[in-house]
N, C-alpha and C. Protein backbone atom coordinates (compact mmCIF):
# COMPACT_ATOMS: atom_id res chain seq x y z
N MET A 1 106.25 62.10 137.85
CA MET A 1 106.68 62.19 136.51
C MET A 1 105.71 62.16 135.44
N VAL A 2 105.49 63.35 134.51
CA VAL A 2 104.36 63.65 133.57
C VAL A 2 104.74 63.04 132.33
N ARG A 3 103.94 62.41 131.57
CA ARG A 3 104.37 61.74 130.17
C ARG A 3 104.32 63.07 129.44
N LYS A 4 105.09 62.89 128.31
CA LYS A 4 105.41 63.74 127.11
C LYS A 4 103.87 63.63 126.32
N LEU A 5 103.65 64.89 126.14
CA LEU A 5 102.28 65.12 125.13
C LEU A 5 102.45 64.47 123.87
N LYS A 6 101.55 64.04 123.48
CA LYS A 6 101.61 63.67 122.13
C LYS A 6 101.20 64.74 120.99
N TYR A 7 101.44 64.59 119.86
CA TYR A 7 101.48 65.68 119.00
C TYR A 7 100.36 66.43 118.74
N HIS A 8 99.14 65.68 118.59
CA HIS A 8 97.59 66.26 118.57
C HIS A 8 97.23 66.88 119.85
N GLU A 9 97.99 66.28 121.10
CA GLU A 9 97.68 66.88 122.46
C GLU A 9 98.11 68.26 122.48
N GLN A 10 99.51 68.45 121.87
CA GLN A 10 100.35 69.81 121.89
C GLN A 10 99.52 70.84 120.91
N LYS A 11 99.18 70.39 119.72
CA LYS A 11 98.25 71.21 118.91
C LYS A 11 96.87 71.95 119.67
N LEU A 12 96.29 70.75 120.32
CA LEU A 12 95.29 71.46 121.21
C LEU A 12 95.41 72.14 122.02
N LEU A 13 96.62 72.03 122.98
CA LEU A 13 96.81 73.15 123.96
C LEU A 13 97.33 74.43 123.43
N LYS A 14 97.69 74.47 122.47
CA LYS A 14 98.00 75.86 121.85
C LYS A 14 96.76 76.46 121.53
N LYS A 15 95.71 76.33 121.31
CA LYS A 15 94.74 76.94 121.03
C LYS A 15 93.71 77.32 122.31
N VAL A 16 94.01 76.64 123.46
CA VAL A 16 93.46 76.97 124.63
C VAL A 16 94.35 78.09 125.38
N ASP A 17 93.64 79.07 125.94
CA ASP A 17 94.18 79.89 126.76
C ASP A 17 93.99 79.97 128.27
N PHE A 18 95.03 79.65 128.75
CA PHE A 18 94.64 79.46 130.48
C PHE A 18 94.43 80.31 131.31
N ILE A 19 95.23 81.50 130.88
CA ILE A 19 95.34 82.66 131.88
C ILE A 19 93.76 83.41 131.69
N SER A 20 93.09 83.57 130.98
CA SER A 20 91.68 84.34 130.73
C SER A 20 90.60 83.30 130.34
N TRP A 21 89.84 82.94 130.92
CA TRP A 21 88.85 81.90 130.84
C TRP A 21 87.70 82.97 130.38
N GLU A 22 86.58 82.19 129.67
CA GLU A 22 85.25 83.09 129.46
C GLU A 22 84.41 82.82 130.89
N VAL A 23 84.58 81.63 131.54
CA VAL A 23 83.65 81.48 132.78
C VAL A 23 84.18 82.67 134.13
N ASP A 24 85.34 83.17 133.61
CA ASP A 24 85.97 84.29 134.80
C ASP A 24 85.05 85.58 134.69
N ASN A 25 84.60 85.59 133.45
CA ASN A 25 83.79 86.92 133.18
C ASN A 25 82.65 87.09 133.77
N ASN A 26 82.43 86.21 135.03
CA ASN A 26 80.90 86.13 135.36
C ASN A 26 80.83 86.94 136.73
N LEU A 27 81.96 87.71 137.29
CA LEU A 27 81.82 88.28 138.48
C LEU A 27 80.69 89.06 138.60
N HIS A 28 80.42 89.83 137.87
CA HIS A 28 79.25 90.87 137.74
C HIS A 28 77.80 90.10 137.67
N GLU A 29 77.95 89.03 136.86
CA GLU A 29 76.70 88.42 137.01
C GLU A 29 76.33 87.38 138.16
N VAL A 30 77.35 87.10 138.96
CA VAL A 30 77.19 86.31 140.11
C VAL A 30 76.85 87.29 141.17
N LYS A 31 77.27 88.74 141.02
CA LYS A 31 77.04 89.99 142.16
C LYS A 31 75.59 90.25 142.06
N ILE A 32 75.21 90.34 140.52
CA ILE A 32 73.69 90.88 140.65
C ILE A 32 72.74 89.57 140.99
N MET A 33 73.22 88.36 140.73
CA MET A 33 72.16 87.07 141.08
C MET A 33 72.05 87.06 142.46
N LYS A 34 73.44 87.63 143.48
CA LYS A 34 73.47 87.45 144.83
C LYS A 34 72.40 88.49 145.44
N ARG A 35 72.78 89.55 144.79
CA ARG A 35 71.92 91.13 145.53
C ARG A 35 70.45 91.03 145.10
N TYR A 36 69.84 90.16 144.15
CA TYR A 36 68.60 90.20 144.05
C TYR A 36 68.02 88.76 144.35
N CYS A 37 69.15 87.67 144.71
CA CYS A 37 68.57 86.45 145.13
C CYS A 37 68.05 85.58 143.82
N VAL A 38 68.74 85.56 142.83
CA VAL A 38 68.24 85.06 141.61
C VAL A 38 68.55 83.55 141.62
N GLN A 39 68.04 82.49 141.81
CA GLN A 39 68.35 81.04 142.13
C GLN A 39 68.69 80.46 140.79
N LYS A 40 68.20 80.69 139.79
CA LYS A 40 68.48 79.96 138.69
C LYS A 40 69.44 81.05 137.38
N ARG A 41 70.33 80.58 137.12
CA ARG A 41 71.11 81.04 136.24
C ARG A 41 70.49 81.26 134.97
N GLU A 42 69.71 80.70 134.63
CA GLU A 42 68.84 80.71 133.25
C GLU A 42 67.88 81.95 133.41
N ASP A 43 67.54 82.29 134.03
CA ASP A 43 66.53 83.60 134.62
C ASP A 43 67.59 84.85 134.36
N TYR A 44 68.62 84.89 134.80
CA TYR A 44 69.63 85.91 134.49
C TYR A 44 70.09 86.24 133.10
N THR A 45 70.19 85.05 132.67
CA THR A 45 70.54 84.99 130.99
C THR A 45 69.55 85.36 130.44
N LYS A 46 68.28 85.01 130.66
CA LYS A 46 66.92 85.33 129.98
C LYS A 46 66.64 86.93 130.25
N TYR A 47 67.13 87.35 131.23
CA TYR A 47 66.88 88.96 131.57
C TYR A 47 67.90 89.46 130.69
N ASN A 48 69.21 89.15 130.55
CA ASN A 48 70.35 89.71 129.80
C ASN A 48 69.87 89.74 128.18
N LYS A 49 69.41 88.76 127.71
CA LYS A 49 69.19 88.73 126.50
C LYS A 49 67.97 89.64 126.34
N LEU A 50 66.61 89.60 126.86
CA LEU A 50 65.59 90.55 126.68
C LEU A 50 66.23 91.95 126.63
N SER A 51 66.99 92.09 127.53
CA SER A 51 67.34 93.70 127.72
C SER A 51 68.33 94.12 126.45
N ARG A 52 69.08 93.15 126.06
CA ARG A 52 69.97 93.20 124.67
C ARG A 52 68.85 93.50 123.66
N GLN A 53 68.01 92.53 123.45
CA GLN A 53 67.02 93.00 122.43
C GLN A 53 66.19 94.10 122.40
N ILE A 54 65.92 94.56 123.64
CA ILE A 54 65.22 95.92 123.89
C ILE A 54 66.00 97.29 123.33
N ARG A 55 67.50 96.93 123.63
CA ARG A 55 68.49 98.09 123.19
C ARG A 55 68.53 98.25 121.73
N GLU A 56 68.72 96.82 121.22
CA GLU A 56 68.91 96.74 119.81
C GLU A 56 67.48 97.21 119.00
N LEU A 57 66.42 96.80 119.59
CA LEU A 57 65.16 97.19 119.04
C LEU A 57 65.35 99.09 118.88
N ALA A 58 65.51 99.34 120.31
CA ALA A 58 65.70 100.94 120.04
C ALA A 58 66.59 101.65 119.51
N ARG A 59 67.78 101.01 119.26
CA ARG A 59 68.84 101.65 118.18
C ARG A 59 68.17 101.58 116.80
N LYS A 60 67.48 100.50 116.38
CA LYS A 60 66.82 100.37 115.05
C LYS A 60 65.73 101.64 114.85
N ILE A 61 65.14 101.65 115.70
CA ILE A 61 64.07 102.73 115.87
C ILE A 61 64.70 103.97 115.67
N LYS A 62 65.87 104.31 116.18
CA LYS A 62 66.26 105.66 116.11
C LYS A 62 66.87 105.74 115.01
N GLU A 63 67.13 104.75 114.17
CA GLU A 63 67.88 104.70 112.84
C GLU A 63 66.93 105.21 111.90
N LEU A 64 65.71 105.02 112.21
CA LEU A 64 64.79 105.46 111.22
C LEU A 64 64.54 106.97 111.04
N GLU A 65 64.03 107.54 109.88
CA GLU A 65 63.87 109.05 109.75
C GLU A 65 63.16 109.44 110.94
N GLN A 66 63.44 110.81 111.00
CA GLN A 66 62.31 111.56 112.27
C GLN A 66 61.07 111.56 111.67
N GLN A 67 60.80 111.98 110.40
CA GLN A 67 59.23 112.12 110.03
C GLN A 67 58.61 110.97 109.80
N ASP A 68 59.21 109.93 109.73
CA ASP A 68 58.65 108.56 109.48
C ASP A 68 57.69 108.32 110.59
N PRO A 69 56.20 108.17 110.11
CA PRO A 69 55.27 107.82 111.06
C PRO A 69 55.08 106.50 111.83
N PHE A 70 55.95 105.59 111.09
CA PHE A 70 56.28 104.20 111.67
C PHE A 70 57.13 104.32 113.00
N ARG A 71 58.26 105.44 112.98
CA ARG A 71 59.20 105.43 113.79
C ARG A 71 58.50 106.00 114.83
N SER A 72 57.47 107.07 114.96
CA SER A 72 56.68 107.50 116.17
C SER A 72 55.89 106.42 116.66
N GLU A 73 55.17 105.48 115.85
CA GLU A 73 54.18 104.84 116.54
C GLU A 73 54.97 103.61 117.10
N SER A 74 56.02 103.07 116.59
CA SER A 74 56.72 101.99 117.09
C SER A 74 57.56 102.38 118.16
N SER A 75 58.01 103.56 118.50
CA SER A 75 58.74 103.80 119.72
C SER A 75 57.73 104.13 120.65
N ALA A 76 56.69 104.98 120.43
CA ALA A 76 55.56 105.02 121.46
C ALA A 76 54.97 103.64 122.02
N GLN A 77 55.09 102.71 121.11
CA GLN A 77 54.56 101.09 121.86
C GLN A 77 55.44 100.72 122.47
N LEU A 78 56.82 100.77 122.09
CA LEU A 78 58.17 100.12 122.97
C LEU A 78 58.01 100.89 124.08
N LEU A 79 58.07 102.07 124.29
CA LEU A 79 58.18 103.06 125.77
C LEU A 79 56.73 102.63 126.53
N GLU A 80 55.69 102.64 125.55
CA GLU A 80 54.45 102.30 126.55
C GLU A 80 54.43 100.92 127.31
N LYS A 81 55.03 99.80 126.61
CA LYS A 81 55.12 98.71 127.04
C LYS A 81 56.35 98.64 128.29
N LEU A 82 57.44 99.26 128.14
CA LEU A 82 58.50 99.19 129.23
C LEU A 82 57.92 99.88 130.10
N TYR A 83 57.02 101.22 129.98
CA TYR A 83 56.77 101.76 131.30
C TYR A 83 55.99 100.97 132.12
N ILE A 84 54.85 100.30 131.41
CA ILE A 84 53.78 99.51 131.89
C ILE A 84 54.49 98.25 132.87
N MET A 85 55.75 97.87 132.24
CA MET A 85 56.41 96.83 132.70
C MET A 85 57.27 97.10 134.00
N GLY A 86 57.25 98.41 134.19
CA GLY A 86 58.43 99.21 135.15
C GLY A 86 59.80 99.09 134.85
N LEU A 87 60.19 99.01 133.57
CA LEU A 87 61.56 99.06 133.33
C LEU A 87 62.22 100.35 133.28
N ILE A 88 61.23 101.27 132.89
CA ILE A 88 61.70 102.67 132.82
C ILE A 88 60.81 103.70 133.39
N PRO A 89 61.44 104.81 133.97
CA PRO A 89 60.72 105.59 134.76
C PRO A 89 59.67 106.52 133.94
N THR A 90 59.86 107.12 132.81
CA THR A 90 59.01 107.76 132.09
C THR A 90 58.62 107.23 130.57
N LYS A 91 57.71 107.50 129.87
CA LYS A 91 57.55 106.77 128.52
C LYS A 91 57.76 107.94 127.64
N TRP A 92 58.59 109.03 127.85
CA TRP A 92 58.82 110.04 127.16
C TRP A 92 60.04 110.24 126.03
N ASP A 93 61.02 109.39 126.40
CA ASP A 93 62.41 109.49 125.89
C ASP A 93 62.83 108.15 125.26
N LEU A 94 63.33 107.85 124.34
CA LEU A 94 63.60 106.72 123.78
C LEU A 94 65.07 106.57 124.06
N SER A 95 65.65 107.31 124.65
CA SER A 95 67.15 106.98 125.08
C SER A 95 67.10 106.24 126.56
N LEU A 96 65.87 106.25 127.01
CA LEU A 96 65.81 105.44 128.25
C LEU A 96 65.76 104.01 128.10
N CYS A 97 65.66 103.22 127.02
CA CYS A 97 65.81 101.93 126.47
C CYS A 97 67.25 101.73 126.39
N ASP A 98 68.15 102.47 126.24
CA ASP A 98 69.74 102.12 126.53
C ASP A 98 69.99 101.78 127.96
N GLN A 99 69.06 102.32 129.07
CA GLN A 99 69.50 101.88 130.21
C GLN A 99 68.85 100.84 130.97
N VAL A 100 68.24 99.99 130.26
CA VAL A 100 67.26 98.68 130.35
C VAL A 100 68.47 97.68 130.68
N THR A 101 68.54 97.03 131.75
CA THR A 101 69.62 95.94 132.03
C THR A 101 68.92 94.88 132.60
N ALA A 102 69.82 93.53 132.78
CA ALA A 102 69.06 92.58 133.44
C ALA A 102 68.76 93.20 134.82
N SER A 103 69.60 94.08 135.28
CA SER A 103 69.28 94.69 136.77
C SER A 103 67.74 95.23 136.82
N SER A 104 67.54 95.79 135.48
CA SER A 104 66.27 96.30 135.52
C SER A 104 64.91 95.24 135.93
N PHE A 105 65.28 94.09 135.08
CA PHE A 105 64.26 93.14 135.29
C PHE A 105 64.11 92.57 136.59
N CYS A 106 65.40 92.59 137.46
CA CYS A 106 65.54 91.89 138.63
C CYS A 106 64.67 92.50 139.58
N ARG A 107 64.82 94.17 139.55
CA ARG A 107 64.03 94.76 140.10
C ARG A 107 62.87 94.90 140.19
N ARG A 108 62.05 94.03 139.35
CA ARG A 108 60.56 94.03 139.01
C ARG A 108 59.94 92.57 139.60
N ARG A 109 61.01 91.78 140.13
CA ARG A 109 61.05 90.19 140.66
C ARG A 109 59.87 90.74 141.84
N LEU A 110 59.24 89.47 142.22
CA LEU A 110 58.12 89.47 143.36
C LEU A 110 58.89 89.71 144.75
N PRO A 111 60.13 89.29 145.13
CA PRO A 111 60.72 89.50 146.04
C PRO A 111 61.15 90.73 146.40
N VAL A 112 61.77 91.37 145.24
CA VAL A 112 62.19 92.81 145.59
C VAL A 112 60.96 93.95 145.96
N VAL A 113 59.76 93.62 145.22
CA VAL A 113 58.75 94.46 145.20
C VAL A 113 57.91 94.31 146.62
N MET A 114 58.15 92.97 147.51
CA MET A 114 58.04 92.46 148.63
C MET A 114 58.83 93.45 149.47
N LEU A 115 59.83 93.60 149.32
CA LEU A 115 61.05 94.04 150.08
C LEU A 115 60.55 95.85 150.07
N ARG A 116 60.38 96.18 148.59
CA ARG A 116 60.21 97.75 148.60
C ARG A 116 58.75 98.00 149.49
N ASN A 117 57.83 96.98 149.40
CA ASN A 117 56.55 97.40 150.15
C ASN A 117 56.71 97.15 151.70
N LYS A 118 57.82 96.51 152.05
CA LYS A 118 58.10 96.41 153.58
C LYS A 118 57.27 95.05 154.05
N MET A 119 57.21 94.26 153.20
CA MET A 119 56.62 92.89 153.47
C MET A 119 57.38 92.00 154.13
N ALA A 120 58.58 92.06 153.74
CA ALA A 120 59.90 91.28 154.20
C ALA A 120 60.89 92.07 154.38
N GLU A 121 61.97 91.65 155.50
CA GLU A 121 63.09 92.23 155.94
C GLU A 121 64.30 92.09 154.87
N ASN A 122 64.12 91.15 154.31
CA ASN A 122 65.29 90.87 153.24
C ASN A 122 64.71 90.02 151.88
N ILE A 123 65.59 90.07 151.16
CA ILE A 123 65.13 89.35 149.84
C ILE A 123 64.99 87.88 149.92
N ARG A 124 65.98 87.48 150.85
CA ARG A 124 65.95 85.98 150.94
C ARG A 124 64.83 85.43 151.92
N MET A 125 64.43 86.25 152.62
CA MET A 125 63.13 85.76 153.53
C MET A 125 62.01 86.12 152.23
N ALA A 126 61.80 87.10 151.78
CA ALA A 126 60.67 87.22 150.91
C ALA A 126 60.76 86.02 149.89
N THR A 127 61.79 85.40 149.34
CA THR A 127 62.02 84.42 148.49
C THR A 127 61.36 83.19 149.09
N GLN A 128 61.80 83.14 150.43
CA GLN A 128 61.32 81.94 150.90
C GLN A 128 59.59 81.86 151.33
N LEU A 129 59.19 83.08 151.69
CA LEU A 129 57.86 83.17 151.86
C LEU A 129 56.92 82.85 150.63
N ILE A 130 57.34 83.45 149.60
CA ILE A 130 56.87 83.29 148.35
C ILE A 130 56.95 81.52 148.02
N GLU A 131 57.78 81.05 148.08
CA GLU A 131 58.02 79.60 148.03
C GLU A 131 57.04 78.90 148.95
N GLN A 132 56.73 79.34 150.04
CA GLN A 132 55.87 78.61 150.81
C GLN A 132 54.77 78.84 150.78
N GLY A 133 54.12 79.71 149.82
CA GLY A 133 52.93 79.96 149.44
C GLY A 133 52.21 81.04 150.10
N HIS A 134 52.83 82.07 150.78
CA HIS A 134 52.23 83.05 151.81
C HIS A 134 51.82 84.30 151.01
N VAL A 135 52.10 84.47 149.39
CA VAL A 135 51.98 85.57 148.81
C VAL A 135 51.19 85.21 147.77
N ARG A 136 50.22 86.09 147.61
CA ARG A 136 49.22 86.44 146.43
C ARG A 136 49.77 87.62 145.68
N VAL A 137 49.18 87.52 144.26
CA VAL A 137 49.51 88.80 143.55
C VAL A 137 48.06 88.84 142.82
N GLY A 138 47.19 89.71 143.18
CA GLY A 138 45.61 89.88 142.57
C GLY A 138 45.04 88.67 143.47
N ALA A 139 44.44 87.87 142.58
CA ALA A 139 43.68 86.68 143.09
C ALA A 139 44.29 85.23 143.08
N GLU A 140 45.60 85.29 142.54
CA GLU A 140 46.14 83.84 142.47
C GLU A 140 47.31 83.99 143.26
N VAL A 141 47.75 82.82 144.08
CA VAL A 141 48.74 82.49 144.91
C VAL A 141 49.93 82.39 143.91
N VAL A 142 51.10 82.90 144.15
CA VAL A 142 52.34 82.82 143.54
C VAL A 142 53.42 82.26 144.30
N LYS A 143 53.90 81.19 143.59
CA LYS A 143 54.80 80.38 144.42
C LYS A 143 56.11 80.17 143.63
N ASP A 144 56.27 81.10 142.62
CA ASP A 144 57.63 81.31 141.80
C ASP A 144 58.17 82.82 142.07
N PRO A 145 59.41 82.74 142.62
CA PRO A 145 59.90 84.11 143.03
C PRO A 145 60.35 84.74 141.96
N ALA A 146 60.46 84.23 140.58
CA ALA A 146 60.98 84.87 139.30
C ALA A 146 59.61 85.61 138.55
N PHE A 147 58.52 85.71 139.27
CA PHE A 147 57.65 86.45 138.85
C PHE A 147 57.69 87.72 138.94
N LEU A 148 57.19 88.27 137.63
CA LEU A 148 57.89 89.94 137.34
C LEU A 148 56.44 90.68 137.46
N VAL A 149 56.38 91.39 138.43
CA VAL A 149 55.25 92.29 138.80
C VAL A 149 55.46 93.86 137.99
N THR A 150 54.21 94.12 137.25
CA THR A 150 53.98 95.17 136.44
C THR A 150 53.66 96.25 137.37
N ARG A 151 53.78 97.43 136.69
CA ARG A 151 53.32 98.47 137.48
C ARG A 151 51.70 98.41 137.89
N ASN A 152 50.92 97.78 137.10
CA ASN A 152 49.47 97.79 137.58
C ASN A 152 49.39 96.65 138.80
N LEU A 153 50.13 95.79 138.79
CA LEU A 153 49.93 94.70 139.77
C LEU A 153 50.70 94.94 140.99
N GLU A 154 51.61 95.76 141.19
CA GLU A 154 52.05 96.33 142.38
C GLU A 154 51.42 96.34 143.62
N ASP A 155 50.20 97.16 143.29
CA ASP A 155 49.25 97.12 144.54
C ASP A 155 48.43 96.12 144.94
N PHE A 156 48.56 95.24 144.16
CA PHE A 156 47.73 93.84 144.63
C PHE A 156 48.41 92.90 145.10
N VAL A 157 49.93 93.00 145.60
CA VAL A 157 50.75 92.09 146.04
C VAL A 157 50.29 92.10 147.71
N THR A 158 49.64 90.92 147.97
CA THR A 158 49.15 90.81 149.59
C THR A 158 49.54 89.20 150.09
N TRP A 159 49.28 89.27 151.43
CA TRP A 159 49.40 87.82 151.84
C TRP A 159 47.89 87.12 151.53
N VAL A 160 48.17 85.76 151.37
CA VAL A 160 47.14 85.09 151.35
C VAL A 160 46.17 84.91 152.51
N ASP A 161 44.89 84.94 152.41
CA ASP A 161 44.19 84.83 153.36
C ASP A 161 44.23 83.92 154.54
N THR A 162 44.48 82.87 153.91
CA THR A 162 44.74 81.73 155.38
C THR A 162 46.23 81.89 155.96
N SER A 163 47.23 82.60 155.38
CA SER A 163 48.34 82.87 155.71
C SER A 163 48.75 83.25 157.40
N ALA A 164 49.35 82.62 157.90
CA ALA A 164 49.62 82.89 159.46
C ALA A 164 50.33 84.31 159.51
N ILE A 165 51.22 84.40 158.46
CA ILE A 165 51.83 85.98 158.82
C ILE A 165 50.86 87.01 158.51
N ARG A 166 49.87 86.91 157.64
CA ARG A 166 48.82 87.97 157.61
C ARG A 166 47.93 87.96 159.02
N LYS A 167 47.47 87.03 159.62
CA LYS A 167 47.12 87.01 160.91
C LYS A 167 47.96 87.64 162.11
N HIS A 168 49.33 87.39 162.03
CA HIS A 168 50.32 88.14 162.83
C HIS A 168 50.30 89.67 162.85
N VAL A 169 50.22 90.13 161.24
CA VAL A 169 50.17 91.49 161.04
C VAL A 169 49.10 92.22 161.29
N LEU A 170 47.75 91.35 161.07
CA LEU A 170 46.63 92.30 161.71
C LEU A 170 46.60 92.37 162.96
N GLU A 171 47.24 91.23 163.61
CA GLU A 171 46.94 91.24 165.51
C GLU A 171 47.95 92.20 165.78
N TYR A 172 49.00 92.61 165.20
CA TYR A 172 49.93 93.74 165.42
C TYR A 172 49.50 95.10 165.31
N ASN A 173 48.79 95.18 164.32
CA ASN A 173 48.35 96.34 163.77
C ASN A 173 46.89 96.65 164.54
N GLU A 174 46.35 95.69 165.25
CA GLU A 174 45.15 95.73 165.97
C GLU A 174 43.86 95.88 164.97
N MET A 175 43.99 95.07 163.83
CA MET A 175 43.10 95.25 163.00
C MET A 175 42.29 93.85 162.48
N ARG A 176 42.75 93.06 163.45
CA ARG A 176 42.07 91.53 163.21
C ARG A 176 40.78 91.60 163.61
N ASP A 177 39.72 91.01 162.82
CA ASP A 177 38.36 91.22 163.11
C ASP A 177 38.09 89.72 163.82
N ASP A 178 37.04 90.10 164.88
CA ASP A 178 36.59 89.14 165.95
C ASP A 178 36.22 87.89 164.82
N TYR A 179 35.60 88.25 163.79
CA TYR A 179 34.86 87.17 163.02
C TYR A 179 35.43 86.34 162.46
N GLU A 180 36.64 86.57 162.15
CA GLU A 180 37.83 85.93 161.45
C GLU A 180 38.40 84.65 162.80
N VAL A 181 38.00 85.15 163.87
CA VAL A 181 38.65 84.10 164.88
C VAL A 181 38.04 82.81 165.06
N LEU A 182 36.70 82.91 164.81
CA LEU A 182 35.80 81.91 164.83
C LEU A 182 35.89 80.97 163.49
């Protein structure tokens, strides 16, 4: 038997909607996090926040007058920055900023770039290799799978020199140097 609710408890229950929860709205979020193997929910919320800020900034720039020199200068700077980061395909149209989403940021993460470069079979394996310290970007070893790779750094994603995976790849391609064996 359940006890009868007190007056203040009944008042509180009137304000709560048990049918639609705010948390139930995260199906899309979970789907994207699973697809790109985002381990921390905070990363995804940061990507969402950044993409929202980019869209708002583009909207504010569009509201300025066409002949305003500040509009052309600021839109060029924004488009250049987004293009260098790899979030938009070209830097000629301000309407591309409306298409920047959290998934755009997720596609620039290091495991996804490794998958695109065919350094790993799937994103989960790429994430594991990064956490174990087998991957470097440029000269430094990266152990954080949330590392965002820009267009300039995309060509510098390689294996660490002491990595066993690098040795296996070189042996398979018959490119391993005899000097390295010693």
